Amino acid sequence: MRFLHLSDTHLGYHQYGLVERSKDYFDAFMSVVDVAIENKVDFIIHTGDFFHTHRPSNQTLLEGIEIVRRLNDHNIPIFTVAGNHDRGSGVRDTTALEILKHIGLKVLDAGVDDSLGVNIFGLKYISPIFIKRNLKLEEILEKLYDKTQSKNNFNILMLHLEFEPFFNSGLKLEHYLPEGMYNYVGIGHYHQRQEPINLNGSTVVYSGSTEYTQFNEKTYTEKGCYVVEVENGSSRAEFVPIKNRMFLSYSFDDETLMDVIKSIKELELPTDKKPILFLKGKTKKFLTNKEVLEILQKEALMDRFLHVSCDVVNQSKKILDFQVIQEEDKSTTIKEKLKELLEEDELLIKVEKVLEEIKAFENLKDFEDYIESHQEFLEL
């Protein structure tokens, strides 16, 4: 028996607001379908976040239909569970996954399918807070296993949950996974693929996403899927990479910026799918994102990329002393301008403290998570 494991395709994601990126997600999904057909797999498991939203556009729905129909044409069933993006957030409505069920997508929600002579179990996304407050996950997985009458079959479990050490959830898979019940455990939600491991008698595989939803040069790994061979109750998972749009990342400071620009100019870049460029800088000379982008434009580099992201971090001690505001022929710091507007020294001190705290966060999501659990942070 041979099956394919993929996850987190996020179909319909217009990353950076670009139609081209939405097409990239569709192309990546189709590339995995090509792998499935070429390897003549018996079925596919998809461990959640099929779509980027539970209410995708009509165009995205058509793409989902095209994918499932192409698999139908090659007699390859596809099983999935609802990820956090698929199920929405507190909205009780028919999801896009339910619509695709009508053309053959098999969606498992705390259920099992044994129609292929193999037991495929699925559990949809559940937030870690809800699990810790209301559920005993180990009992849920044991009861799920008990739903099948053919326990001698090869048993596959699909999950889309937040486990340590990839998420700061307090949930450790080894504490919840029943010993020796599931032969293969495919997990979604974490986008960086991991090498298969053996845990509590199960082969555990994080296949990662098929496209880059975020970029971190420290974890920049190939995207793709796992093709799994099963023989005599044992499995062997082999990663198969796919081709994605190129992402490039450079770091610079005040002294090395022009060297980085020179290196970028010397690159031979693909023209069919323009790369995405990330620039991360540190400055003590009040260099701004706008100025860096203007240099790229002057060097005729902007048109060579689909999207350019620039993040210049001020290394001066006070963030309010950094950015200069131009007013006619005058210039003033943000701190001076806020002092004019606020007219209250105590309030200015509190605002400055808030901005200094914000500077410590690397992205908006981390900041939002912090605010959610520290409401007092914004109490002025």
Protein backbone atom coordinates (compact mmCIF):
# COMPACT_ATOMS: atom_id res chain seq x y z
CA MET A 1 0.00 0.00 0.00
CA ARG A 2 1.20 3.49 -0.79
CA PHE A 3 -0.30 6.81 0.25
CA LEU A 4 0.64 10.48 0.16
CA HIS A 5 0.59 12.88 3.10
CA LEU A 6 0.34 16.66 2.63
CA SER A 7 -0.92 19.51 4.75
CA ASP A 8 -1.61 23.24 5.07
CA THR A 9 -2.18 24.05 1.41
CA HIS A 10 -3.99 27.31 2.33
CA LEU A 11 -5.73 27.44 -1.02
CA GLY A 12 -6.87 30.98 -1.86
CA TYR A 13 -4.33 32.88 0.23
CA HIS A 14 -3.60 36.24 -1.44
CA GLN A 15 -0.34 36.71 0.43
CA TYR A 16 0.83 40.36 0.39
CA GLY A 17 -2.50 41.11 -1.34
CA LEU A 18 -1.20 39.57 -4.59
CA VAL A 19 -3.23 37.47 -7.03
CA GLU A 20 0.05 35.87 -8.12
CA ARG A 21 0.59 34.45 -4.63
CA SER A 22 -2.90 32.93 -4.60
CA LYS A 23 -2.03 31.17 -7.85
CA ASP A 24 1.22 29.96 -6.26
CA TYR A 25 -0.78 28.12 -3.59
CA PHE A 26 -2.92 26.47 -6.25
CA ASP A 27 0.16 25.54 -8.31
CA ALA A 28 1.82 24.02 -5.23
CA PHE A 29 -1.27 21.90 -4.49
CA MET A 30 -1.39 20.76 -8.12
CA SER A 31 2.31 19.87 -7.97
CA VAL A 32 1.57 17.51 -5.09
CA VAL A 33 -1.30 16.01 -7.09
CA ASP A 34 1.27 15.37 -9.84
CA VAL A 35 3.43 13.54 -7.29
CA ALA A 36 0.46 11.43 -6.23
CA ILE A 37 -0.34 10.45 -9.82
CA GLU A 38 3.28 9.75 -10.75
CA ASN A 39 3.76 7.54 -7.69
CA LYS A 40 0.43 5.76 -8.22
CA VAL A 41 -0.63 6.22 -4.62
CA ASP A 42 -3.75 4.48 -3.33
CA PHE A 43 -5.03 7.54 -1.48
CA ILE A 44 -4.05 10.93 -0.02
CA ILE A 45 -4.33 12.25 3.53
CA HIS A 46 -4.45 16.02 4.03
CA THR A 47 -3.95 17.09 7.64
CA GLY A 48 -5.84 20.37 7.65
CA ASP A 49 -6.01 23.95 6.36
CA PHE A 50 -7.07 22.87 2.89
CA PHE A 51 -8.33 26.43 2.37
CA HIS A 52 -6.97 29.64 3.85
CA THR A 53 -10.44 30.65 4.99
CA HIS A 54 -13.69 28.82 5.68
CA ARG A 55 -15.40 31.18 3.20
CA PRO A 56 -13.11 31.18 0.15
CA SER A 57 -13.91 33.10 -3.02
CA ASN A 58 -15.79 31.46 -5.88
CA GLN A 59 -12.51 31.29 -7.80
CA THR A 60 -10.85 29.43 -4.93
CA LEU A 61 -13.79 27.03 -4.67
CA LEU A 62 -13.41 26.28 -8.38
CA GLU A 63 -9.72 25.54 -7.78
CA GLY A 64 -10.65 23.14 -4.98
CA ILE A 65 -13.16 21.44 -7.24
CA GLU A 66 -10.56 21.13 -10.01
CA ILE A 67 -8.11 19.47 -7.61
CA VAL A 68 -10.60 16.91 -6.28
CA ARG A 69 -11.93 16.12 -9.76
CA ARG A 70 -8.43 15.56 -11.10
CA LEU A 71 -7.80 13.08 -8.30
CA ASN A 72 -11.17 11.45 -9.02
CA ASP A 73 -10.12 11.01 -12.65
CA HIS A 74 -7.14 8.96 -11.41
CA ASN A 75 -9.15 7.06 -8.77
CA ILE A 76 -7.20 8.61 -5.89
CA PRO A 77 -9.43 9.34 -2.85
CA ILE A 78 -8.41 12.27 -0.66
CA PHE A 79 -9.15 12.44 3.08
CA THR A 80 -8.85 15.55 5.21
CA VAL A 81 -9.67 17.12 8.57
CA ALA A 82 -10.74 20.70 9.22
CA GLY A 83 -7.84 22.92 10.26
CA ASN A 84 -8.22 26.16 12.17
CA HIS A 85 -8.47 28.10 8.89
CA ASP A 86 -11.04 25.69 7.43
CA ARG A 87 -13.43 25.79 10.32
CA GLY A 88 -13.63 29.55 10.75
CA SER A 89 -13.86 31.28 14.10
CA GLY A 90 -17.16 31.06 15.90
CA VAL A 91 -19.21 31.21 12.69
CA ARG A 92 -21.78 28.46 12.40
CA ASP A 93 -22.13 27.89 8.68
CA THR A 94 -21.45 25.28 6.02
CA THR A 95 -17.74 25.31 5.29
CA ALA A 96 -16.08 24.99 1.90
CA LEU A 97 -14.91 21.50 2.89
CA GLU A 98 -18.55 20.45 3.26
CA ILE A 99 -19.22 21.68 -0.27
CA LEU A 100 -16.33 19.64 -1.69
CA LYS A 101 -17.68 16.53 0.04
CA HIS A 102 -20.35 16.49 -2.66
CA ILE A 103 -17.72 15.75 -5.32
CA GLY A 104 -15.75 13.20 -3.32
CA LEU A 105 -13.58 14.94 -0.72
CA LYS A 106 -13.71 12.79 2.43
CA VAL A 107 -13.83 14.95 5.55
CA LEU A 108 -13.34 13.19 8.87
CA ASP A 109 -14.39 14.88 12.10
CA ALA A 110 -13.81 12.58 15.06
CA GLY A 111 -14.59 9.68 12.72
CA VAL A 112 -13.03 6.79 10.85
CA ASP A 113 -13.14 5.50 7.27
CA ASP A 114 -12.22 1.87 6.62
CA SER A 115 -13.52 1.58 3.06
CA LEU A 116 -10.06 1.00 1.59
CA GLY A 117 -9.02 -1.80 3.93
CA VAL A 118 -7.10 0.67 6.06
CA ASN A 119 -8.43 2.62 9.04
CA ILE A 120 -8.16 6.37 8.50
CA PHE A 121 -9.08 8.40 11.58
CA GLY A 122 -9.48 12.16 11.72
CA LEU A 123 -9.87 14.80 14.41
CA LYS A 124 -10.51 18.41 13.47
CA TYR A 125 -8.67 21.37 14.98
CA ILE A 126 -9.35 22.08 18.65
CA SER A 127 -7.72 25.03 20.41
CA PRO A 128 -5.21 24.09 23.13
CA ILE A 129 -7.05 26.28 25.65
CA PHE A 130 -10.29 24.35 25.05
CA ILE A 131 -8.45 21.03 25.31
CA LYS A 132 -6.82 21.92 28.63
CA ARG A 133 -10.03 23.31 30.13
CA ASN A 134 -12.65 20.88 28.86
CA LEU A 135 -11.21 17.76 27.24
CA LYS A 136 -9.08 14.74 27.95
CA LEU A 137 -7.36 14.34 24.61
CA GLU A 138 -5.95 10.91 25.40
CA GLU A 139 -9.48 9.61 26.04
CA ILE A 140 -10.74 11.16 22.81
CA LEU A 141 -8.01 9.40 20.81
CA GLU A 142 -8.71 6.09 22.56
CA LYS A 143 -12.46 6.37 21.89
CA LEU A 144 -11.74 7.33 18.29
CA TYR A 145 -9.68 4.16 17.88
CA ASP A 146 -12.51 2.09 19.37
CA LYS A 147 -14.87 3.21 16.60
CA THR A 148 -13.40 0.68 14.18
CA GLN A 149 -14.16 -3.02 14.22
CA SER A 150 -11.08 -3.89 12.16
CA LYS A 151 -8.26 -3.05 14.52
CA ASN A 152 -5.85 -5.34 12.69
CA ASN A 153 -5.87 -2.94 9.74
CA PHE A 154 -3.12 -0.37 9.31
CA ASN A 155 -4.26 2.59 11.40
CA ILE A 156 -3.68 6.20 10.27
CA LEU A 157 -4.52 9.19 12.48
CA MET A 158 -4.89 12.72 11.03
CA LEU A 159 -4.52 15.65 13.43
CA HIS A 160 -4.34 19.43 13.15
CA LEU A 161 -3.35 20.44 16.66
CA GLU A 162 -0.79 22.57 18.48
CA PHE A 163 1.85 20.46 20.20
CA GLU A 164 5.07 21.34 21.97
CA PRO A 165 7.82 22.13 21.07
CA PHE A 166 6.49 23.77 17.89
CA PHE A 167 3.80 25.75 19.72
CA ASN A 168 3.80 27.18 23.23
CA SER A 169 0.60 25.28 24.01
CA GLY A 170 1.43 23.17 27.03
CA LEU A 171 0.38 20.09 25.04
CA LYS A 172 2.96 17.34 24.58
CA LEU A 173 1.99 14.69 22.06
CA GLU A 174 3.73 11.92 24.00
CA HIS A 175 1.36 12.54 26.93
CA TYR A 176 -1.77 12.09 24.81
CA LEU A 177 -0.93 9.59 22.07
CA PRO A 178 -2.12 6.10 23.10
CA GLU A 179 0.62 3.49 23.07
CA GLY A 180 0.60 1.19 20.07
CA MET A 181 -2.84 2.08 18.67
CA TYR A 182 -2.00 4.16 15.62
CA ASN A 183 0.63 3.03 13.12
CA TYR A 184 0.98 6.40 11.39
CA VAL A 185 0.15 9.82 12.83
CA GLY A 186 0.08 12.68 10.32
CA ILE A 187 -0.02 16.15 11.86
CA GLY A 188 -0.72 19.52 10.29
CA HIS A 189 -0.70 23.14 11.51
CA TYR A 190 3.08 23.46 11.91
CA HIS A 191 4.40 24.66 8.56
CA GLN A 192 8.00 23.47 8.77
CA ARG A 193 8.27 19.83 7.78
CA GLN A 194 9.95 17.46 10.21
CA GLU A 195 11.73 14.16 9.75
CA PRO A 196 9.55 11.20 10.79
CA ILE A 197 9.99 10.04 14.38
CA ASN A 198 8.77 7.07 16.40
CA LEU A 199 6.65 8.01 19.38
CA ASN A 200 4.67 5.63 21.60
CA GLY A 201 4.89 2.98 18.90
CA SER A 202 3.62 5.31 16.16
CA THR A 203 5.39 6.88 13.19
CA VAL A 204 4.74 10.63 13.60
CA VAL A 205 5.11 12.94 10.60
CA TYR A 206 4.72 16.69 10.23
CA SER A 207 4.60 17.22 6.46
CA GLY A 208 4.67 21.03 6.66
CA SER A 209 2.87 23.44 4.34
CA THR A 210 3.14 23.26 0.56
CA GLU A 211 3.85 27.00 0.24
CA TYR A 212 5.50 29.69 2.36
CA THR A 213 2.92 31.52 4.48
CA GLN A 214 5.67 33.24 6.45
CA PHE A 215 9.35 33.55 5.79
CA ASN A 216 12.18 32.94 8.22
CA GLU A 217 15.61 32.37 6.77
CA LYS A 218 16.55 30.20 9.75
CA THR A 219 13.82 27.69 8.87
CA TYR A 220 13.84 28.06 5.09
CA THR A 221 13.33 24.44 4.02
CA GLU A 222 12.01 22.83 0.87
CA LYS A 223 8.25 22.42 0.59
CA GLY A 224 6.52 19.27 -0.61
CA CYS A 225 4.85 16.12 0.69
CA TYR A 226 5.59 12.64 2.02
CA VAL A 227 5.02 9.46 0.03
CA VAL A 228 4.51 6.60 2.48
CA GLU A 229 5.11 2.94 1.69
CA VAL A 230 3.34 0.43 3.95
CA GLU A 231 4.35 -3.19 4.13
CA ASN A 232 3.61 -5.80 6.83
CA GLY A 233 2.34 -3.17 9.25
CA SER A 234 5.44 -0.98 8.94
CA SER A 235 5.72 2.32 7.11
CA ARG A 236 8.52 4.24 5.43
CA ALA A 237 7.91 7.94 4.68
CA GLU A 238 9.99 9.67 2.01
CA PHE A 239 9.88 13.41 1.48
CA VAL A 240 9.26 14.57 -2.10
CA PRO A 241 10.06 18.26 -2.73
CA ILE A 242 8.12 20.49 -5.10
CA LYS A 243 9.17 23.69 -6.86
CA ASN A 244 8.01 26.96 -5.31
CA ARG A 245 8.56 30.63 -6.02
CA MET A 246 11.99 31.68 -4.77
CA PHE A 247 12.31 33.61 -1.51
CA LEU A 248 15.49 35.58 -0.84
CA SER A 249 16.61 37.15 2.42
CA TYR A 250 19.44 39.55 3.23
CA SER A 251 20.53 41.25 6.43
CA PHE A 252 22.44 44.52 6.51
CA ASP A 253 23.58 47.39 8.67
CA ASP A 254 24.65 50.95 7.91
CA GLU A 255 28.05 49.79 6.65
CA THR A 256 26.99 46.78 4.55
CA LEU A 257 23.82 47.99 2.81
CA MET A 258 25.48 48.87 -0.49
CA ASP A 259 27.40 45.57 -0.49
CA VAL A 260 24.06 43.77 -0.17
CA ILE A 261 22.62 45.83 -3.01
CA LYS A 262 25.60 44.89 -5.17
CA SER A 263 25.13 41.19 -4.38
CA ILE A 264 21.45 41.39 -5.35
CA LYS A 265 22.33 43.08 -8.65
CA GLU A 266 24.67 40.21 -9.52
CA LEU A 267 22.04 37.50 -9.00
CA GLU A 268 20.64 35.52 -11.93
CA LEU A 269 16.96 35.47 -11.09
CA PRO A 270 14.11 33.49 -12.67
CA THR A 271 11.79 35.50 -14.90
CA ASP A 272 8.81 33.13 -15.07
CA LYS A 273 8.10 33.55 -11.35
CA LYS A 274 9.77 36.64 -9.95
CA PRO A 275 11.25 36.02 -6.47
CA ILE A 276 10.16 37.63 -3.22
CA LEU A 277 12.83 39.63 -1.41
CA PHE A 278 13.18 40.23 2.32
CA LEU A 279 15.59 42.83 3.64
CA LYS A 280 16.27 43.12 7.35
CA GLY A 281 18.50 45.94 8.55
CA LYS A 282 19.87 47.53 11.69
CA THR A 283 20.68 51.21 11.74
CA LYS A 284 22.16 53.84 13.98
CA LYS A 285 21.95 56.52 11.29
CA PHE A 286 18.16 56.90 11.17
CA LEU A 287 17.88 54.98 7.87
CA THR A 288 14.23 54.30 6.99
CA ASN A 289 12.43 51.55 5.06
CA LYS A 290 11.42 54.12 2.46
CA GLU A 291 15.01 55.14 1.84
CA VAL A 292 16.12 51.54 1.35
CA LEU A 293 13.33 50.93 -1.17
CA GLU A 294 14.26 54.12 -2.99
CA ILE A 295 17.82 52.82 -3.35
CA LEU A 296 16.49 49.58 -4.83
CA GLN A 297 14.33 51.57 -7.25
CA LYS A 298 17.28 53.73 -8.26
CA GLU A 299 19.35 50.61 -8.96
CA ALA A 300 16.51 49.21 -11.15
CA LEU A 301 15.99 46.24 -8.82
CA MET A 302 12.36 46.62 -7.73
CA ASP A 303 10.96 45.29 -11.02
CA ARG A 304 13.00 42.10 -10.70
CA PHE A 305 10.92 40.99 -7.70
CA LEU A 306 7.25 40.21 -7.23
CA HIS A 307 7.31 41.69 -3.74
CA VAL A 308 9.93 43.38 -1.56
CA SER A 309 9.65 43.54 2.21
CA CYS A 310 11.98 45.81 4.14
CA ASP A 311 12.32 45.97 7.91
CA VAL A 312 14.84 48.44 9.32
CA VAL A 313 15.31 48.26 13.08
CA ASN A 314 16.48 51.33 14.96
CA GLN A 315 19.32 50.54 17.36
CA SER A 316 19.20 53.85 19.16
CA LYS A 317 18.09 53.65 22.78
CA LYS A 318 14.86 55.55 22.34
CA ILE A 319 12.46 54.72 19.54
CA LEU A 320 10.85 58.17 19.70
CA ASP A 321 14.19 59.77 18.88
CA PHE A 322 14.47 57.75 15.66
CA GLN A 323 12.14 58.78 12.84
CA VAL A 324 12.32 62.36 11.67
CA ILE A 325 9.13 64.10 10.55
CA GLN A 326 9.52 66.66 7.79
CA GLU A 327 7.34 69.77 8.03
CA GLU A 328 8.09 72.33 5.34
CA ASP A 329 11.74 73.24 5.99
CA LYS A 330 11.69 72.05 9.58
CA SER A 331 12.38 68.63 11.06
CA THR A 332 11.42 67.21 14.44
CA THR A 333 11.52 63.87 16.20
CA ILE A 334 8.42 61.80 16.89
CA LYS A 335 8.90 62.44 20.59
CA GLU A 336 8.84 66.20 20.12
CA LYS A 337 5.77 65.96 17.91
CA LEU A 338 3.91 63.76 20.42
CA LYS A 339 4.77 66.18 23.19
CA GLU A 340 3.04 68.93 21.23
CA LEU A 341 -0.03 66.79 20.62
CA LEU A 342 -0.41 65.19 24.06
CA GLU A 343 0.41 68.24 26.19
CA GLU A 344 0.91 66.00 29.21
CA ASP A 345 4.32 64.69 30.26
CA GLU A 346 2.95 61.68 32.18
CA LEU A 347 0.93 60.50 29.19
CA LEU A 348 3.96 60.94 26.92
CA ILE A 349 6.04 58.73 29.22
CA LYS A 350 3.38 56.01 29.08
CA VAL A 351 3.10 56.19 25.28
CA GLU A 352 6.88 55.95 24.97
CA LYS A 353 6.88 52.89 27.23
CA VAL A 354 4.20 51.21 25.08
CA LEU A 355 6.18 51.88 21.89
CA GLU A 356 9.35 50.51 23.44
CA GLU A 357 7.45 47.31 24.34
CA ILE A 358 6.05 47.00 20.81
CA LYS A 359 9.55 47.26 19.34
CA ALA A 360 10.45 43.92 20.99
CA PHE A 361 7.97 41.96 18.88
CA GLU A 362 9.13 40.48 15.57
CA ASN A 363 5.70 40.35 13.92
CA LEU A 364 2.09 41.46 14.33
CA LYS A 365 0.84 37.99 15.30
CA ASP A 366 3.18 37.82 18.32
CA PHE A 367 2.05 41.28 19.39
CA GLU A 368 -1.64 40.39 19.02
CA ASP A 369 -1.17 37.22 21.09
CA TYR A 370 0.57 39.26 23.81
CA ILE A 371 -2.17 41.88 23.89
CA GLU A 372 -4.86 39.20 24.14
CA SER A 373 -3.31 37.82 27.33
CA HIS A 374 -2.09 41.18 28.75
CA GLN A 375 -5.03 43.56 28.42
CA GLU A 376 -3.48 45.85 31.03
CA PHE A 377 -0.76 46.66 28.49
CA LEU A 378 -2.94 49.28 26.77
CA GLU A 379 -4.40 50.78 29.91
CA LEU A 380 -3.12 54.35 29.89
